[in-house]
């Protein structure tokens, strides 16, 4: 004889078994979940980590090696901020002293030699500071008006930095030459040789490179020969 507890248990089992599909009957019945299970799923929804949300929201972008190399090449070109040249331009020539130069425009007439007095227009840039201009003979004319005053010196006299003296040798009147001057042919820490900037900010920029042994004091100079006065024959 079954007790009331057994009867109640059998009754509950009987009700649940009616919801389960019977392999002998087609189609199977749909089971209805108790209301408490539905509320439980709403009260405790599945959690997604912060990393998972970012991974789902942000697409992954891959960069090909060729594109990366092209971007780096463009960056290196822009970072110098120096006048760009085409592939058809003349290649740089290098002297035993380390000076590199190339003629942009050929002049006419006699060529500069040691002992000659020259007057040049020039622009100088600091390669270590991304090609920053530290001096130009055109700057003062732009500020005060009028024509730019050339820089005059005697080649070989030691008044100008050695790199500039070597750069003008062989030039003719009207010629334009570009030179890369190594630190050994540029300014020393005392900066007694010319030309030196008149502008305080430009002078500080030049000094910050020249007087710092950890910086490359290489210079880029574009020079145009305006006048040539040959040395007197002894």
Protein backbone atom coordinates (compact mmCIF):
# COMPACT_ATOMS: atom_id res chain seq x y z
CA UNK A 1 0.00 0.00 0.00
CA UNK A 2 1.38 3.36 -1.03
CA UNK A 3 1.64 6.15 1.44
CA UNK A 4 0.47 9.68 0.68
CA UNK A 5 4.10 10.81 0.14
CA UNK A 6 4.65 8.08 -2.45
CA UNK A 7 1.42 8.94 -4.19
CA UNK A 8 2.38 12.63 -4.36
CA UNK A 9 5.80 11.78 -5.79
CA UNK A 10 4.32 9.46 -8.42
CA UNK A 11 1.83 12.17 -9.35
CA UNK A 12 4.61 14.74 -9.95
CA UNK A 13 6.60 12.25 -12.00
CA UNK A 14 3.53 11.42 -13.98
CA UNK A 15 2.87 15.07 -14.84
CA UNK A 16 6.51 15.64 -16.01
CA UNK A 17 6.57 12.39 -17.97
CA UNK A 18 3.58 13.57 -19.97
CA UNK A 19 5.62 16.50 -21.29
CA UNK A 20 8.47 14.30 -22.54
CA UNK A 21 8.30 12.96 -26.11
CA UNK A 22 7.31 9.36 -26.48
CA UNK A 23 9.30 7.45 -29.08
CA UNK A 24 6.14 5.60 -30.00
CA UNK A 25 4.18 8.77 -30.77
CA UNK A 26 4.68 11.31 -33.60
CA UNK A 27 5.12 14.23 -33.58
CA UNK A 28 6.87 14.84 -30.21
CA UNK A 29 5.26 17.20 -27.75
CA UNK A 30 6.74 20.61 -26.85
CA UNK A 31 8.05 20.87 -23.30
CA UNK A 32 7.12 23.99 -21.33
CA UNK A 33 9.74 25.16 -18.83
CA UNK A 34 8.63 26.25 -15.40
CA UNK A 35 8.20 30.00 -14.98
CA UNK A 36 10.90 30.13 -12.31
CA UNK A 37 13.54 28.91 -14.79
CA UNK A 38 12.61 31.69 -17.24
CA UNK A 39 12.95 34.34 -14.53
CA UNK A 40 16.29 32.87 -13.48
CA UNK A 41 17.70 33.27 -17.00
CA UNK A 42 16.54 36.90 -17.09
CA UNK A 43 17.95 37.75 -13.68
CA UNK A 44 21.37 36.22 -14.50
CA UNK A 45 22.14 36.87 -18.19
CA UNK A 46 25.42 35.54 -19.61
CA UNK A 47 28.31 37.99 -19.18
CA UNK A 48 30.74 39.06 -21.95
CA UNK A 49 34.23 40.20 -21.06
CA UNK A 50 35.53 43.65 -21.99
CA UNK A 51 38.11 42.08 -24.29
CA UNK A 52 35.35 40.16 -26.04
CA UNK A 53 33.35 43.34 -26.67
CA UNK A 54 36.43 45.07 -28.15
CA UNK A 55 37.21 42.08 -30.32
CA UNK A 56 33.67 42.10 -31.68
CA UNK A 57 33.58 45.87 -32.28
CA UNK A 58 37.06 46.60 -33.68
CA UNK A 59 37.97 45.03 -37.02
CA UNK A 60 41.47 43.63 -37.43
CA UNK A 61 43.42 45.48 -40.12
CA UNK A 62 46.48 43.84 -41.58
CA UNK A 63 49.21 45.84 -43.38
CA UNK A 64 51.23 44.19 -46.08
CA UNK A 65 55.04 44.41 -45.84
CA UNK A 66 55.18 46.27 -49.16
CA UNK A 67 52.76 48.95 -47.93
CA UNK A 68 54.64 49.31 -44.64
CA UNK A 69 57.92 49.78 -46.51
CA UNK A 70 56.33 52.42 -48.76
CA UNK A 71 55.00 54.35 -45.77
CA UNK A 72 58.42 54.26 -44.11
CA UNK A 73 60.05 55.52 -47.31
CA UNK A 74 57.58 58.40 -47.48
CA UNK A 75 58.20 59.26 -43.84
CA UNK A 76 61.98 59.29 -44.33
CA UNK A 77 61.61 61.58 -47.34
CA UNK A 78 59.34 64.08 -45.59
CA UNK A 79 61.26 64.10 -42.31
CA UNK A 80 64.34 65.75 -43.84
CA UNK A 81 62.31 68.76 -45.06
CA UNK A 82 65.01 69.50 -47.62
CA UNK A 83 64.34 70.32 -51.28
CA UNK A 84 63.52 67.13 -53.15
CA UNK A 85 65.38 66.15 -56.31
CA UNK A 86 64.35 63.98 -59.25
CA UNK A 87 66.03 60.79 -60.40
CA UNK A 88 67.46 62.62 -63.42
CA UNK A 89 69.50 65.01 -61.26
CA UNK A 90 73.26 64.61 -61.15
CA UNK A 91 74.60 62.31 -58.48
CA UNK A 92 76.66 63.60 -55.56
CA UNK A 93 80.42 63.51 -55.87
CA UNK A 94 82.52 62.93 -52.76
CA UNK A 95 85.89 64.50 -52.03
CA UNK A 96 88.59 62.75 -49.97
CA UNK A 97 87.75 65.15 -47.13
CA UNK A 98 84.22 63.72 -46.90
CA UNK A 99 82.43 66.65 -48.52
CA UNK A 100 79.67 65.63 -50.94
CA UNK A 101 78.44 67.98 -53.64
CA UNK A 102 76.63 68.18 -56.93
CA UNK A 103 76.14 70.99 -59.45
CA UNK A 104 72.51 71.98 -59.88
CA UNK A 105 73.28 74.74 -62.36
CA UNK A 106 76.53 75.20 -64.26
CA UNK A 107 78.02 78.70 -64.25
CA UNK A 108 80.09 80.43 -66.89
CA UNK A 109 83.54 81.98 -66.94
CA UNK A 110 86.54 81.40 -64.69
CA UNK A 111 86.43 78.79 -61.93
CA UNK A 112 87.03 79.53 -58.24
CA UNK A 113 90.45 78.62 -56.88
CA UNK A 114 92.23 79.08 -53.56
CA UNK A 115 92.98 82.75 -52.86
CA UNK A 116 89.99 84.07 -54.86
CA UNK A 117 87.46 86.40 -53.28
CA UNK A 118 83.91 85.21 -53.74
CA UNK A 119 80.44 86.55 -53.02
CA UNK A 120 77.76 83.89 -52.58
CA UNK A 121 74.08 83.59 -51.81
CA UNK A 122 73.37 80.52 -49.70
CA UNK A 123 70.91 78.67 -47.52
CA UNK A 124 72.12 76.37 -44.73
CA UNK A 125 70.15 73.59 -43.05
CA UNK A 126 70.73 71.32 -40.06
CA UNK A 127 70.24 67.69 -41.03
CA UNK A 128 70.04 66.59 -37.39
CA UNK A 129 67.04 68.87 -36.84
CA UNK A 130 65.00 67.48 -39.74
CA UNK A 131 66.48 69.90 -42.25
CA UNK A 132 65.75 73.05 -40.23
CA UNK A 133 67.10 76.18 -41.87
CA UNK A 134 69.61 77.93 -39.64
CA UNK A 135 70.68 80.74 -41.98
CA UNK A 136 70.04 82.25 -45.40
CA UNK A 137 71.38 85.37 -47.05
CA UNK A 138 67.81 86.05 -48.17
CA UNK A 139 66.40 86.27 -44.64
CA UNK A 140 67.62 89.77 -43.83
CA UNK A 141 66.42 91.09 -47.19
CA UNK A 142 62.99 89.59 -46.54
CA UNK A 143 62.80 91.33 -43.15
CA UNK A 144 64.25 94.72 -44.14
CA UNK A 145 63.36 94.83 -47.83
CA UNK A 146 65.70 95.28 -50.75
CA UNK A 147 68.07 92.82 -52.37
CA UNK A 148 69.75 90.03 -50.40
CA UNK A 149 73.33 90.83 -49.40
CA UNK A 150 75.76 88.06 -50.37
CA UNK A 151 78.31 86.55 -48.01
CA UNK A 152 81.86 87.47 -49.04
CA UNK A 153 85.08 85.69 -48.10
CA UNK A 154 88.47 84.73 -49.48
CA UNK A 155 88.82 81.04 -50.25
CA UNK A 156 91.51 79.47 -48.08
CA UNK A 157 91.78 82.38 -45.64
CA UNK A 158 90.11 80.46 -42.81
CA UNK A 159 87.33 83.04 -42.38
CA UNK A 160 84.60 80.59 -43.41
CA UNK A 161 84.02 77.02 -42.33
CA UNK A 162 86.22 74.57 -44.30
CA UNK A 163 83.21 72.86 -45.86
CA UNK A 164 81.99 76.08 -47.48
CA UNK A 165 85.48 76.94 -48.75
CA UNK A 166 85.81 73.53 -50.37
CA UNK A 167 82.27 73.67 -51.73
CA UNK A 168 82.85 76.80 -53.86
CA UNK A 169 86.16 75.65 -55.37
CA UNK A 170 85.60 74.94 -59.07
CA UNK A 171 82.34 76.92 -59.31
CA UNK A 172 81.80 79.61 -61.95
CA UNK A 173 79.73 82.78 -61.86
CA UNK A 174 76.00 82.04 -61.84
CA UNK A 175 76.52 78.44 -60.84
CA UNK A 176 74.44 76.73 -58.14
CA UNK A 177 75.85 73.89 -56.07
CA UNK A 178 74.46 71.75 -53.26
CA UNK A 179 76.76 70.28 -50.65
CA UNK A 180 76.53 67.96 -47.65
CA UNK A 181 79.16 69.10 -45.18
CA UNK A 182 80.31 66.60 -42.52
CA UNK A 183 80.85 67.79 -38.92
CA UNK A 184 84.63 67.76 -39.35
CA UNK A 185 84.31 70.48 -42.02
CA UNK A 186 81.59 72.48 -40.28
CA UNK A 187 81.41 74.58 -37.13
CA UNK A 188 83.49 73.85 -34.05
CA UNK A 189 82.19 74.30 -30.52
CA UNK A 190 83.46 77.92 -30.40
CA UNK A 191 81.60 78.84 -33.60
CA UNK A 192 84.18 81.49 -34.49
CA UNK A 193 84.10 80.80 -38.23
CA UNK A 194 81.51 82.24 -40.55
CA UNK A 195 78.89 82.50 -41.62
CA UNK A 196 76.81 82.67 -38.44
CA UNK A 197 73.11 83.55 -38.10
CA UNK A 198 72.01 87.05 -37.08
CA UNK A 199 68.71 85.75 -35.73
CA UNK A 200 68.88 84.69 -32.08
CA UNK A 201 66.57 81.70 -32.53
CA UNK A 202 68.53 80.40 -35.52
CA UNK A 203 71.79 80.88 -33.64
CA UNK A 204 70.42 78.86 -30.71
CA UNK A 205 69.32 76.07 -33.05
CA UNK A 206 72.77 75.91 -34.63
CA UNK A 207 74.47 76.03 -31.23
CA UNK A 208 72.26 73.23 -29.85
CA UNK A 209 73.60 70.89 -32.52
CA UNK A 210 77.22 72.04 -32.80
CA UNK A 211 77.89 72.10 -29.07
CA UNK A 212 76.26 68.74 -28.37
CA UNK A 213 78.73 65.89 -29.01
CA UNK A 214 75.86 63.39 -29.17
CA UNK A 215 74.33 65.08 -32.22
CA UNK A 216 75.29 64.87 -35.87
CA UNK A 217 76.34 68.39 -36.92
CA UNK A 218 76.22 67.68 -40.66
CA UNK A 219 75.04 70.60 -42.79
CA UNK A 220 73.22 70.91 -46.09
CA UNK A 221 74.14 74.07 -48.01
CA UNK A 222 72.80 75.40 -51.31
CA UNK A 223 75.21 77.98 -52.73
CA UNK A 224 75.01 80.34 -55.72
CA UNK A 225 78.15 82.13 -56.85
CA UNK A 226 77.37 85.76 -57.64
CA UNK A 227 80.80 87.34 -57.97
CA UNK A 228 84.36 86.14 -58.36
CA UNK A 229 87.46 88.24 -57.88
CA UNK A 230 90.56 86.24 -58.81
CA UNK A 231 93.58 86.45 -56.59
CA UNK A 232 96.40 88.69 -57.80
CA UNK A 233 99.29 86.85 -59.38
CA UNK A 234 102.48 87.27 -57.35
